[in-house]
Amino acid sequence: MAEMYPSPTHEMAQKRRSLAPSQQAAFDAFSKVVFADGALPAKIKQIIAVAVAHVTQCPYCINGHTKAALRAGATPEELMEAVWVAAEMRAGGAYAHSALMLAQLSKIRIGRQLAPQIDARILLVRPSTDAITTLLHH
């Protein structure tokens, strides 16, 4: 982690705390409540945190929550399975969003009616919104 991200240190934590003590205290209290046993046991919450940390791609979160999950009783197999769930959800989100592209293609009828009418030279200049709107609606 040292090449791209600085290693977390006690000094770094103290600096953050000294620069915004109220916010740090509130965040610490928030985290304590969030990860306490509740409707979900702390172990499950930490497994979820490991999966989410992989989606957000936070190396500090991955390291910290992996350690916390193991302390809470999670197994390496549970953590790896959670990472696979996170990976599927991330991939599934990209795939599901293709619906937006398909709807847009349908809306502008590209490839059938509109594409032959667009003169590429017009699009190379800074087109005005009115010019683009005119092209798309004719």
Protein backbone atom coordinates (compact mmCIF):
# COMPACT_ATOMS: atom_id res chain seq x y z
CA MET A 1 0.00 0.00 0.00
CA ALA A 2 2.96 2.32 0.53
CA GLU A 3 3.52 3.05 -3.16
CA MET A 4 0.11 4.52 -3.99
CA TYR A 5 -1.37 5.00 -0.53
CA PRO A 6 0.49 6.11 2.57
CA SER A 7 0.56 3.53 5.33
CA PRO A 8 -1.81 4.47 8.11
CA THR A 9 0.06 5.65 11.19
CA HIS A 10 -0.77 6.78 14.69
CA GLU A 11 0.53 10.24 13.74
CA MET A 12 -1.84 10.40 10.76
CA ALA A 13 -4.79 9.44 12.97
CA GLN A 14 -3.80 12.08 15.53
CA LYS A 15 -3.48 14.72 12.80
CA ARG A 16 -6.98 13.96 11.48
CA ARG A 17 -8.37 14.09 15.01
CA SER A 18 -6.64 17.40 15.79
CA LEU A 19 -7.84 19.04 12.56
CA ALA A 20 -11.52 18.13 13.12
CA PRO A 21 -12.01 16.74 16.64
CA SER A 22 -15.81 17.02 16.77
CA GLN A 23 -16.29 15.36 13.40
CA GLN A 24 -13.84 12.60 14.27
CA ALA A 25 -15.58 11.92 17.57
CA ALA A 26 -18.96 11.82 15.82
CA PHE A 27 -17.63 9.46 13.16
CA ASP A 28 -16.10 7.17 15.81
CA ALA A 29 -19.42 7.06 17.70
CA PHE A 30 -21.33 6.44 14.46
CA SER A 31 -19.03 3.56 13.50
CA LYS A 32 -19.33 2.01 16.97
CA VAL A 33 -23.13 2.02 16.76
CA VAL A 34 -23.24 0.79 13.15
CA PHE A 35 -20.96 -2.19 13.78
CA ALA A 36 -22.46 -3.23 17.14
CA ASP A 37 -24.66 -6.32 17.37
CA GLY A 38 -28.21 -5.51 16.39
CA ALA A 39 -30.68 -7.09 14.00
CA LEU A 40 -27.50 -8.26 12.26
CA PRO A 41 -24.68 -9.69 14.32
CA ALA A 42 -21.36 -7.80 14.27
CA LYS A 43 -19.75 -10.65 12.31
CA ILE A 44 -22.24 -10.28 9.44
CA LYS A 45 -21.85 -6.50 9.48
CA GLN A 46 -18.09 -6.86 9.13
CA ILE A 47 -18.47 -9.37 6.29
CA ILE A 48 -20.75 -6.87 4.53
CA ALA A 49 -18.17 -4.14 5.17
CA VAL A 50 -15.44 -6.24 3.52
CA ALA A 51 -17.63 -6.76 0.45
CA VAL A 52 -18.56 -3.07 0.23
CA ALA A 53 -14.91 -2.07 0.70
CA HIS A 54 -14.06 -4.09 -2.40
CA VAL A 55 -16.75 -2.28 -4.40
CA THR A 56 -15.60 1.13 -3.16
CA GLN A 57 -12.01 -0.05 -3.68
CA CYS A 58 -10.74 1.43 -0.42
CA PRO A 59 -7.55 -0.40 0.59
CA TYR A 60 -7.71 0.98 4.12
CA CYS A 61 -11.28 -0.31 4.51
CA ILE A 62 -10.40 -3.68 3.01
CA ASN A 63 -7.52 -4.12 5.46
CA GLY A 64 -9.31 -2.79 8.52
CA HIS A 65 -12.60 -4.60 8.00
CA THR A 66 -10.89 -7.86 7.05
CA LYS A 67 -9.10 -7.78 10.42
CA ALA A 68 -12.32 -6.79 12.23
CA ALA A 69 -14.30 -9.54 10.46
CA LEU A 70 -11.77 -12.17 11.47
CA ARG A 71 -11.85 -10.90 15.09
CA ALA A 72 -15.67 -11.15 14.94
CA GLY A 73 -15.40 -14.81 13.88
CA ALA A 74 -15.64 -14.64 10.09
CA THR A 75 -13.80 -17.31 8.15
CA PRO A 76 -11.61 -16.70 5.08
CA GLU A 77 -14.18 -18.66 3.05
CA GLU A 78 -17.00 -16.37 4.19
CA LEU A 79 -14.98 -13.30 3.31
CA MET A 80 -14.06 -14.60 -0.14
CA GLU A 81 -17.67 -15.52 -0.85
CA ALA A 82 -18.74 -12.01 0.18
CA VAL A 83 -16.16 -10.53 -2.21
CA TRP A 84 -17.64 -12.65 -5.02
CA VAL A 85 -21.11 -11.33 -4.16
CA ALA A 86 -19.73 -7.78 -4.36
CA ALA A 87 -18.05 -8.53 -7.70
CA GLU A 88 -21.28 -9.94 -9.14
CA MET A 89 -23.25 -6.93 -7.96
CA ARG A 90 -20.74 -4.53 -9.53
CA ALA A 91 -20.78 -6.45 -12.82
CA GLY A 92 -24.54 -6.84 -12.67
CA GLY A 93 -24.96 -3.10 -12.23
CA ALA A 94 -22.95 -2.39 -15.36
CA TYR A 95 -24.94 -4.97 -17.31
CA ALA A 96 -28.30 -3.72 -15.99
CA HIS A 97 -27.45 -0.15 -17.00
CA SER A 98 -27.33 -1.29 -20.62
CA ALA A 99 -31.10 -0.72 -20.45
CA LEU A 100 -30.36 3.02 -20.50
CA MET A 101 -28.26 2.66 -23.65
CA LEU A 102 -30.91 0.47 -25.30
CA ALA A 103 -33.63 2.99 -24.46
CA GLN A 104 -31.53 5.80 -25.91
CA LEU A 105 -30.87 3.83 -29.09
CA SER A 106 -34.58 3.22 -29.46
CA LYS A 107 -35.39 6.87 -28.76
CA ILE A 108 -33.13 8.28 -31.45
CA ARG A 109 -33.60 5.38 -33.86
CA ILE A 110 -29.88 5.27 -34.56
CA GLY A 111 -28.75 3.07 -37.40
CA ARG A 112 -32.10 3.19 -39.21
CA GLN A 113 -33.38 6.71 -39.71
CA LEU A 114 -31.03 9.14 -38.04
CA ALA A 115 -27.51 7.89 -38.72
CA PRO A 116 -27.55 8.39 -42.52
CA GLN A 117 -28.79 11.99 -42.07
CA ILE A 118 -25.99 13.14 -39.73
CA ASP A 119 -23.18 14.94 -41.50
CA ALA A 120 -20.01 14.20 -39.49
CA ARG A 121 -18.53 17.55 -40.53
CA ILE A 122 -21.26 19.35 -38.56
CA LEU A 123 -20.38 17.42 -35.42
CA LEU A 124 -16.66 18.25 -35.73
CA VAL A 125 -17.36 21.94 -35.19
CA ARG A 126 -18.69 23.08 -31.83
CA PRO A 127 -22.34 22.33 -32.49
CA SER A 128 -24.96 24.36 -30.76
CA THR A 129 -27.64 22.63 -28.75
CA ASP A 130 -30.21 23.82 -31.29
CA ALA A 131 -28.25 22.27 -34.17
CA ILE A 132 -28.01 18.91 -32.40
CA THR A 133 -31.68 19.02 -31.41
CA THR A 134 -32.62 19.75 -35.01
CA LEU A 135 -30.53 16.84 -36.27
CA LEU A 136 -31.98 14.44 -33.72
CA HIS A 137 -35.58 15.33 -34.41
CA HIS A 138 -35.52 15.24 -38.22
